[in-house]
Protein backbone atom coordinates (compact mmCIF):
# COMPACT_ATOMS: atom_id res chain seq x y z
CA MET A 1 15.95 3.07 16.88
CA SER A 2 14.21 5.13 13.80
CA ALA A 3 16.24 5.81 10.63
CA HIS A 4 17.38 9.07 9.63
CA ARG A 5 15.49 11.25 7.03
CA THR A 6 17.13 13.78 5.25
CA GLU A 7 14.51 15.99 2.92
CA THR A 8 15.33 17.55 -0.73
CA THR A 9 13.41 18.90 -3.50
CA LEU A 10 13.52 17.84 -7.08
CA ALA A 11 13.77 19.83 -10.23
CA ASP A 12 10.24 20.30 -10.57
CA GLY A 13 9.45 21.25 -6.69
CA ARG A 14 8.22 18.00 -5.54
CA THR A 15 9.67 16.43 -1.99
CA LEU A 16 11.87 13.78 -1.71
CA TYR A 17 13.06 11.83 1.69
CA TYR A 18 16.17 9.72 2.26
CA PHE A 19 15.61 7.27 4.86
CA ASP A 20 19.16 5.92 6.05
CA ALA A 21 19.35 3.48 8.92
CA GLU A 22 21.91 5.57 10.40
CA PRO A 23 22.78 9.00 10.52
CA GLY A 24 25.87 10.51 8.78
CA THR A 25 25.61 9.75 4.94
CA GLU A 26 25.80 12.44 2.53
CA ARG A 27 22.47 13.14 0.98
CA ASP A 28 23.69 16.77 -0.65
CA ALA A 29 23.13 15.24 -4.54
CA LYS A 30 21.05 17.93 -6.58
CA ASP A 31 18.31 17.11 -9.31
CA LEU A 32 20.18 18.23 -12.46
CA ARG A 33 17.03 17.45 -14.74
CA ASP A 34 15.24 20.36 -16.77
CA LEU A 35 11.47 19.31 -16.02
CA PRO A 36 8.59 21.48 -16.04
CA GLU A 37 6.50 21.93 -12.94
CA THR A 38 4.22 19.48 -12.46
CA THR A 39 0.30 19.69 -13.11
CA THR A 40 -2.48 17.65 -12.10
CA ALA A 41 -6.01 17.44 -13.31
CA SER A 42 -7.69 15.77 -10.43
CA GLU A 43 -10.75 15.41 -8.79
CA ILE A 44 -13.39 13.41 -7.10
CA ARG A 45 -16.83 12.71 -8.24
CA TRP A 46 -19.43 11.17 -5.75
CA ASP A 47 -21.48 7.85 -6.94
CA PRO A 48 -24.94 8.06 -5.00
CA LEU A 49 -26.23 4.48 -5.86
CA LEU A 50 -22.52 3.07 -4.47
CA ASP A 51 -22.41 5.61 -1.94
CA GLN A 52 -18.57 6.25 -2.45
CA TRP A 53 -16.03 8.70 -4.11
CA VAL A 54 -14.30 7.92 -7.57
CA VAL A 55 -11.28 9.37 -8.41
CA ILE A 56 -10.80 11.37 -12.06
CA ALA A 57 -7.26 12.10 -12.93
CA SER A 58 -7.14 12.29 -16.74
CA HIS A 59 -3.42 13.68 -16.79
CA ARG A 60 -2.29 10.54 -15.76
CA GLN A 61 -2.32 8.52 -19.11
CA GLY A 62 1.19 9.93 -20.26
CA ARG A 63 2.79 8.17 -16.79
CA THR A 64 5.45 6.24 -17.75
CA PHE A 65 4.72 2.45 -18.52
CA LEU A 66 7.27 -0.30 -18.42
CA PRO A 67 10.42 1.09 -19.63
CA PRO A 68 13.26 -1.15 -20.23
CA ALA A 69 15.72 -1.78 -17.06
CA ASN A 70 18.20 0.65 -18.41
CA GLU A 71 15.82 3.51 -18.16
CA CYS A 72 14.19 3.19 -15.08
CA PRO A 73 13.35 6.30 -13.73
CA LEU A 74 13.78 4.36 -9.81
CA ASP A 75 17.38 3.42 -10.25
CA PRO A 76 20.00 5.69 -8.53
CA SER A 77 21.57 8.53 -10.93
CA ARG A 78 24.58 7.32 -12.21
CA ASP A 79 27.17 7.69 -15.27
CA GLY A 80 25.60 10.74 -16.54
CA ARG A 81 21.92 9.25 -16.47
CA HIS A 82 19.65 11.24 -14.29
CA THR A 83 16.53 9.48 -12.60
CA GLU A 84 13.71 10.74 -10.14
CA ILE A 85 16.40 9.86 -7.16
CA PRO A 86 19.56 12.52 -7.31
CA ALA A 87 22.13 10.29 -5.42
CA ASP A 88 24.48 7.79 -6.68
CA ASP A 89 23.28 5.23 -3.78
CA TYR A 90 20.17 4.71 -1.27
CA GLU A 91 18.61 2.69 0.88
CA VAL A 92 14.97 3.69 1.03
CA VAL A 93 13.66 6.50 -0.63
CA VAL A 94 10.09 8.37 -0.87
CA PHE A 95 8.85 11.04 -3.28
CA GLU A 96 5.97 12.80 -4.53
CA ASN A 97 4.75 10.49 -7.52
CA ARG A 98 5.24 12.64 -10.61
CA PHE A 99 1.80 11.40 -12.19
CA PRO A 100 -0.17 11.49 -8.56
CA SER A 101 -3.65 10.56 -8.57
CA LEU A 102 -4.21 12.97 -5.53
CA SER A 103 -2.56 16.37 -5.17
CA THR A 104 -2.17 18.56 -2.56
CA GLU A 105 -2.21 21.59 -5.08
CA ALA A 106 -5.44 20.34 -7.15
CA VAL A 107 -8.06 22.55 -8.01
CA LEU A 108 -11.62 21.86 -9.49
CA GLY A 109 -11.92 22.50 -13.23
CA PRO A 110 -14.75 23.68 -15.17
CA ASP A 111 -17.75 21.83 -14.65
CA PRO A 112 -18.17 19.42 -17.93
CA ASP A 113 -22.16 19.53 -17.32
CA GLY A 114 -21.96 23.63 -17.38
CA ILE A 115 -24.40 23.84 -14.52
CA ASP A 116 -22.62 24.24 -11.61
CA ASP A 117 -25.58 24.46 -9.41
CA GLY A 118 -24.72 22.44 -6.75
CA ASP A 119 -27.00 19.40 -8.04
CA GLU A 120 -26.10 16.71 -5.39
CA LEU A 121 -26.46 13.74 -8.29
CA PHE A 122 -23.21 15.33 -9.80
CA THR A 123 -21.20 16.44 -6.93
CA ARG A 124 -17.42 17.15 -7.12
CA ARG A 125 -14.73 18.07 -5.35
CA PRO A 126 -11.26 18.97 -6.09
CA GLY A 127 -8.85 15.31 -5.69
CA VAL A 128 -6.70 17.27 -3.11
CA GLY A 129 -4.31 14.67 -1.17
CA ARG A 130 -1.12 13.33 -2.02
CA CYS A 131 0.14 10.36 -3.68
CA GLU A 132 4.29 9.00 -2.52
CA VAL A 133 6.26 6.62 -3.90
CA VAL A 134 8.60 4.28 -1.65
CA CYS A 135 11.43 2.90 -3.24
CA PHE A 136 12.28 -0.42 -0.97
CA THR A 137 16.35 -0.41 -2.44
CA SER A 138 18.39 0.73 -5.10
CA ASP A 139 18.99 -2.76 -6.60
CA HIS A 140 16.67 -2.65 -9.78
CA SER A 141 16.85 -6.61 -9.68
CA ALA A 142 15.79 -7.14 -6.20
CA ALA A 143 12.48 -7.89 -4.58
CA PHE A 144 11.01 -6.93 -0.94
CA SER A 145 11.26 -10.60 -0.03
CA SER A 146 14.87 -10.40 -0.87
CA LEU A 147 15.92 -7.46 1.53
CA SER A 148 17.37 -8.04 5.23
CA PRO A 149 15.20 -7.69 8.02
CA ALA A 150 17.50 -4.46 8.72
CA ARG A 151 16.49 -3.00 5.80
CA VAL A 152 12.77 -4.04 6.19
CA GLY A 153 13.00 -2.24 9.28
CA THR A 154 14.19 1.08 7.50
CA VAL A 155 10.99 0.55 5.08
CA LEU A 156 9.12 0.40 8.21
CA ASP A 157 10.58 3.71 9.93
CA ALA A 158 10.04 5.52 6.33
CA TRP A 159 6.13 4.07 5.93
CA ILE A 160 5.43 5.38 9.99
CA ASP A 161 7.21 8.65 9.41
CA ARG A 162 4.85 9.24 6.24
CA THR A 163 1.97 7.75 8.06
CA ARG A 164 2.08 10.35 10.76
CA GLU A 165 2.60 13.48 8.28
CA LEU A 166 0.28 12.72 5.70
CA ASN A 167 -2.33 11.96 8.53
CA ALA A 168 -1.84 15.74 9.94
CA LEU A 169 -2.69 16.84 6.74
CA PRO A 170 -5.83 19.18 6.94
CA ASP A 171 -7.70 17.48 4.04
CA VAL A 172 -6.78 13.78 4.37
CA GLU A 173 -9.00 11.30 5.91
CA GLN A 174 -6.99 8.14 5.35
CA VAL A 175 -3.49 7.12 4.75
CA PHE A 176 -3.02 3.59 2.67
CA VAL A 177 0.17 2.18 2.34
CA PHE A 178 0.36 -0.83 -0.22
CA GLU A 179 2.88 -2.48 -2.78
CA ASN A 180 1.61 -3.92 -6.27
CA ARG A 181 4.57 -6.63 -7.48
CA GLY A 182 4.44 -8.18 -10.64
CA GLU A 183 3.29 -7.31 -14.20
CA GLU A 184 0.06 -9.82 -13.81
CA ILE A 185 -1.23 -7.24 -11.14
CA GLY A 186 -0.61 -4.30 -13.59
CA VAL A 187 2.63 -2.19 -12.31
CA THR A 188 4.24 -0.10 -14.87
CA LEU A 189 7.54 -0.23 -13.26
CA SER A 190 9.53 -3.08 -12.17
CA HIS A 191 12.11 -1.66 -9.86
CA PRO A 192 11.29 -3.00 -6.14
CA HIS A 193 8.64 0.30 -4.89
CA GLY A 194 5.15 0.58 -3.25
CA GLN A 195 3.17 3.60 -2.91
CA ILE A 196 1.47 5.52 -0.23
CA TYR A 197 -2.19 7.16 -1.04
CA ALA A 198 -3.67 9.86 1.34
CA TYR A 199 -7.17 10.20 0.30
CA PRO A 200 -9.47 13.21 1.21
CA PHE A 201 -11.72 10.33 1.98
CA VAL A 202 -11.98 7.14 3.93
CA PRO A 203 -12.16 4.48 0.85
CA PRO A 204 -14.97 1.95 0.58
CA ARG A 205 -13.48 -1.22 1.84
CA MET A 206 -12.18 0.58 5.31
CA ARG A 207 -15.58 2.44 5.85
CA ARG A 208 -16.95 -0.95 5.40
CA GLN A 209 -14.85 -2.52 8.02
CA LEU A 210 -15.27 0.22 10.21
CA ASP A 211 -18.88 0.06 10.09
CA SER A 212 -18.94 -3.73 10.69
CA THR A 213 -16.55 -3.54 13.38
CA ARG A 214 -18.93 -0.70 15.06
CA ARG A 215 -22.09 -2.62 15.07
CA HIS A 216 -19.50 -6.00 16.77
CA ARG A 217 -18.55 -3.56 19.44
CA GLU A 218 -22.21 -1.77 20.10
CA ARG A 219 -23.47 -5.56 20.37
CA THR A 220 -20.49 -6.83 22.10
CA GLY A 221 -18.18 -4.34 23.82
CA GLU A 222 -15.24 -5.86 21.89
CA CYS A 223 -13.28 -5.88 18.56
CA LEU A 224 -14.17 -7.68 15.90
CA HIS A 225 -11.01 -8.03 14.49
CA CYS A 226 -9.48 -9.32 17.92
CA THR A 227 -12.29 -11.77 17.97
CA LEU A 228 -11.83 -12.92 14.70
CA LEU A 229 -8.18 -13.21 15.60
CA ALA A 230 -8.91 -15.24 18.42
CA ALA A 231 -11.25 -17.61 16.58
CA GLU A 232 -8.76 -18.24 13.97
CA ARG A 233 -6.14 -19.13 16.41
CA ARG A 234 -8.55 -21.54 18.10
CA ALA A 235 -9.80 -23.29 15.14
CA GLY A 236 -5.65 -23.55 13.75
CA THR A 237 -6.64 -24.77 10.41
CA ARG A 238 -5.93 -21.47 8.25
CA ILE A 239 -2.89 -20.11 10.69
CA VAL A 240 0.28 -19.97 8.63
CA ALA A 241 3.00 -18.78 10.84
CA GLU A 242 3.09 -17.05 14.48
CA THR A 243 5.19 -15.23 16.90
CA ASP A 244 4.72 -13.95 20.20
CA LEU A 245 3.46 -10.77 18.88
CA PHE A 246 1.84 -11.56 15.39
CA THR A 247 -0.10 -14.09 13.89
CA VAL A 248 -0.27 -14.58 9.98
CA LEU A 249 -3.50 -16.54 8.74
CA VAL A 250 -5.51 -17.06 5.41
CA PRO A 251 -8.92 -15.73 6.73
CA HIS A 252 -12.15 -18.20 6.90
CA ALA A 253 -13.71 -16.14 3.93
CA ALA A 254 -10.48 -15.44 1.66
CA ARG A 255 -11.58 -14.18 -2.07
CA TRP A 256 -8.06 -14.80 -3.72
CA PRO A 257 -6.61 -17.99 -4.56
CA TYR A 258 -3.61 -17.21 -1.95
CA GLU A 259 -4.85 -14.58 0.59
CA ALA A 260 -2.86 -14.00 4.02
CA HIS A 261 -3.35 -11.38 6.84
CA VAL A 262 -0.74 -10.31 8.97
CA TYR A 263 -2.22 -9.13 12.76
CA PRO A 264 -0.22 -7.92 15.70
CA ARG A 265 -2.01 -9.97 18.60
CA ARG A 266 -2.11 -6.44 20.49
CA HIS A 267 -4.72 -4.13 19.36
CA THR A 268 -3.47 -1.27 17.80
CA PRO A 269 -4.58 1.11 15.18
CA ASP A 270 -2.00 1.87 13.06
CA LEU A 271 1.90 1.47 12.15
CA PRO A 272 2.95 4.47 14.10
CA SER A 273 1.07 2.93 17.19
CA LEU A 274 3.69 0.17 16.94
CA THR A 275 6.50 -0.48 19.92
CA GLU A 276 9.94 -1.12 18.77
CA GLU A 277 10.03 -4.60 19.71
CA GLU A 278 6.54 -5.30 17.44
CA ARG A 279 8.53 -3.01 14.74
CA ALA A 280 11.41 -5.47 14.50
CA ASP A 281 9.24 -8.50 14.92
CA LEU A 282 7.16 -7.57 11.90
CA ALA A 283 10.03 -6.93 9.42
CA ARG A 284 10.65 -10.27 10.46
CA VAL A 285 7.17 -11.98 10.00
CA TYR A 286 6.54 -9.97 7.13
CA LEU A 287 9.88 -11.24 4.98
CA ASP A 288 8.75 -14.74 5.92
CA LEU A 289 5.55 -14.54 4.48
CA LEU A 290 6.64 -12.80 1.46
CA LYS A 291 8.92 -15.43 1.03
CA ARG A 292 6.19 -18.00 1.66
CA PHE A 293 4.52 -16.63 -1.26
CA ASP A 294 7.39 -16.57 -3.72
CA ALA A 295 7.89 -20.62 -3.05
CA LEU A 296 4.68 -21.38 -4.03
CA PHE A 297 5.38 -21.11 -7.93
CA PRO A 298 8.45 -21.66 -10.32
CA THR A 299 8.61 -18.10 -10.83
CA PRO A 300 8.13 -15.12 -8.66
CA THR A 301 4.43 -14.50 -7.01
CA PRO A 302 2.63 -11.19 -8.06
CA TYR A 303 1.17 -9.86 -5.14
CA ILE A 304 -0.72 -6.58 -3.64
CA ALA A 305 0.35 -6.03 -0.04
CA ALA A 306 -2.18 -3.33 1.43
CA TRP A 307 -1.87 -2.27 4.75
CA MET A 308 -5.18 -1.60 6.53
CA GLN A 309 -4.96 1.41 8.92
CA ALA A 310 -6.93 3.45 11.38
CA PRO A 311 -8.17 6.55 9.48
CA ALA A 312 -6.37 9.94 10.43
CA ARG A 313 -9.24 11.47 12.63
CA ALA A 314 -12.74 9.54 13.16
CA ASP A 315 -13.52 5.85 14.32
CA ARG A 316 -9.57 5.30 15.30
CA GLU A 317 -10.57 3.09 18.13
CA LEU A 318 -12.28 0.63 15.60
CA ALA A 319 -9.66 -0.06 13.63
CA HIS A 320 -7.24 -3.11 13.63
CA LEU A 321 -3.99 -2.81 12.16
CA HIS A 322 -3.56 -5.72 9.92
CA ALA A 323 -1.66 -6.32 6.31
CA GLN A 324 -3.77 -7.98 3.50
CA VAL A 325 -1.40 -9.69 0.97
CA PHE A 326 -2.76 -11.58 -2.16
CA SER A 327 -2.16 -12.96 -5.07
CA VAL A 328 -3.97 -13.03 -8.49
CA ARG A 329 -2.29 -16.04 -9.55
CA ARG A 330 -4.12 -19.47 -8.78
CA ALA A 331 -1.84 -21.96 -10.39
CA ALA A 332 1.42 -22.00 -12.42
CA GLY A 333 0.28 -20.00 -15.49
CA LYS A 334 -2.91 -19.21 -14.51
CA LEU A 335 -4.34 -16.20 -13.17
CA LYS A 336 -7.61 -15.45 -11.37
CA TYR A 337 -9.28 -12.83 -13.43
CA LEU A 338 -12.05 -10.79 -12.13
CA ALA A 339 -14.99 -12.03 -14.18
CA GLY A 340 -18.65 -11.34 -14.15
CA SER A 341 -19.56 -12.55 -10.81
CA GLU A 342 -16.67 -10.59 -9.24
CA SER A 343 -16.62 -7.32 -11.33
CA GLY A 344 -20.20 -7.19 -12.33
CA ALA A 345 -21.92 -8.46 -8.89
CA GLY A 346 -19.38 -7.92 -6.68
CA VAL A 347 -19.88 -11.80 -5.44
CA TRP A 348 -16.41 -13.16 -5.61
CA VAL A 349 -15.88 -17.01 -6.52
CA ASN A 350 -12.62 -18.59 -5.07
CA ASP A 351 -11.22 -21.67 -6.89
CA ILE A 352 -8.63 -22.51 -3.80
CA SER A 353 -10.18 -22.96 -0.22
CA PRO A 354 -8.73 -21.27 2.21
CA GLU A 355 -7.61 -23.99 4.23
CA ARG A 356 -5.55 -25.69 1.06
CA ALA A 357 -4.17 -22.20 0.70
CA ALA A 358 -3.14 -22.08 4.29
CA ALA A 359 -1.09 -25.35 4.02
CA ALA A 360 0.49 -24.22 0.64
CA LEU A 361 1.79 -21.38 2.54
CA ARG A 362 3.02 -23.54 5.69
CA GLY A 363 4.74 -25.23 2.71
CA GLU A 364 2.49 -28.20 3.25
CA ARG A 365 2.09 -29.92 -0.43
CA ASP A 366 -0.82 -31.94 -1.80
């Protein structure tokens, strides 16, 4: 059963949604802060050499950066301290980012080159889109891996709800759900949360996957993701965990020291396309994987969890929903930095074999 959604408006006009497992919870608390109206200076610029868009969002320099725990803006509003969430407690909350990289209100500013002649080498557009924050729990000290399967189910409902609505926006081409955990990753708020970006274009990683799957389908008539999944299951070497509905694996050519992908067995394009049974199983499988990541080291493992979904409109039949979870930590006290080969040439060098990483995630120690 889907979570119950309640919509409210923050003091500066941004929208906030409460998601509760059951209806009946009063969500009428008002945002009592005196906030200025939000303004953005977002645009996208085309890079003709790399054939991709770059987001320029100079207004984000002043965003909140690693505040002390007692000043966290994602905690509930309590004891006279007002935060981004007006309620004194909550289950799952989604709200428009106060410092968004993309905005539905974005307007293209003056041309810095002063030419405005439509030169395709200097193509610019407004940074139209939407950026939302997803708070998984009101407990500041919690982690996604500490949530109950029921709460993860509510998070999934929130992701599905937002994917549906953002996909329907006229300028949105791709909805990207993700979580960054850990200062080593670059998070600026320690409260357990994730984000959703609604891009006005299909990002390069997704576009490259679609191009590969298109070529494979034209050649064989089959889904490349389904083919790879079947091959990994036959090999078995890099399988981390399985259920009747999902497979967790380390990819054959993993880039990161510890990287795992979560695949539904059934070919399905996005989170909203999952059945109720698949949603319930995914909550358990995903929790299990995050616990395995945290068991790798003596301290919590920093990670990025990226949900690869179908674009909003084109090529939806080519996409196969999956999560890519990876960590920058290669050993206790050691990080995998993107050095010259990765950052400069785009060629990844992995310090740990995918087979060894899969064994570690299975709990098998050297």
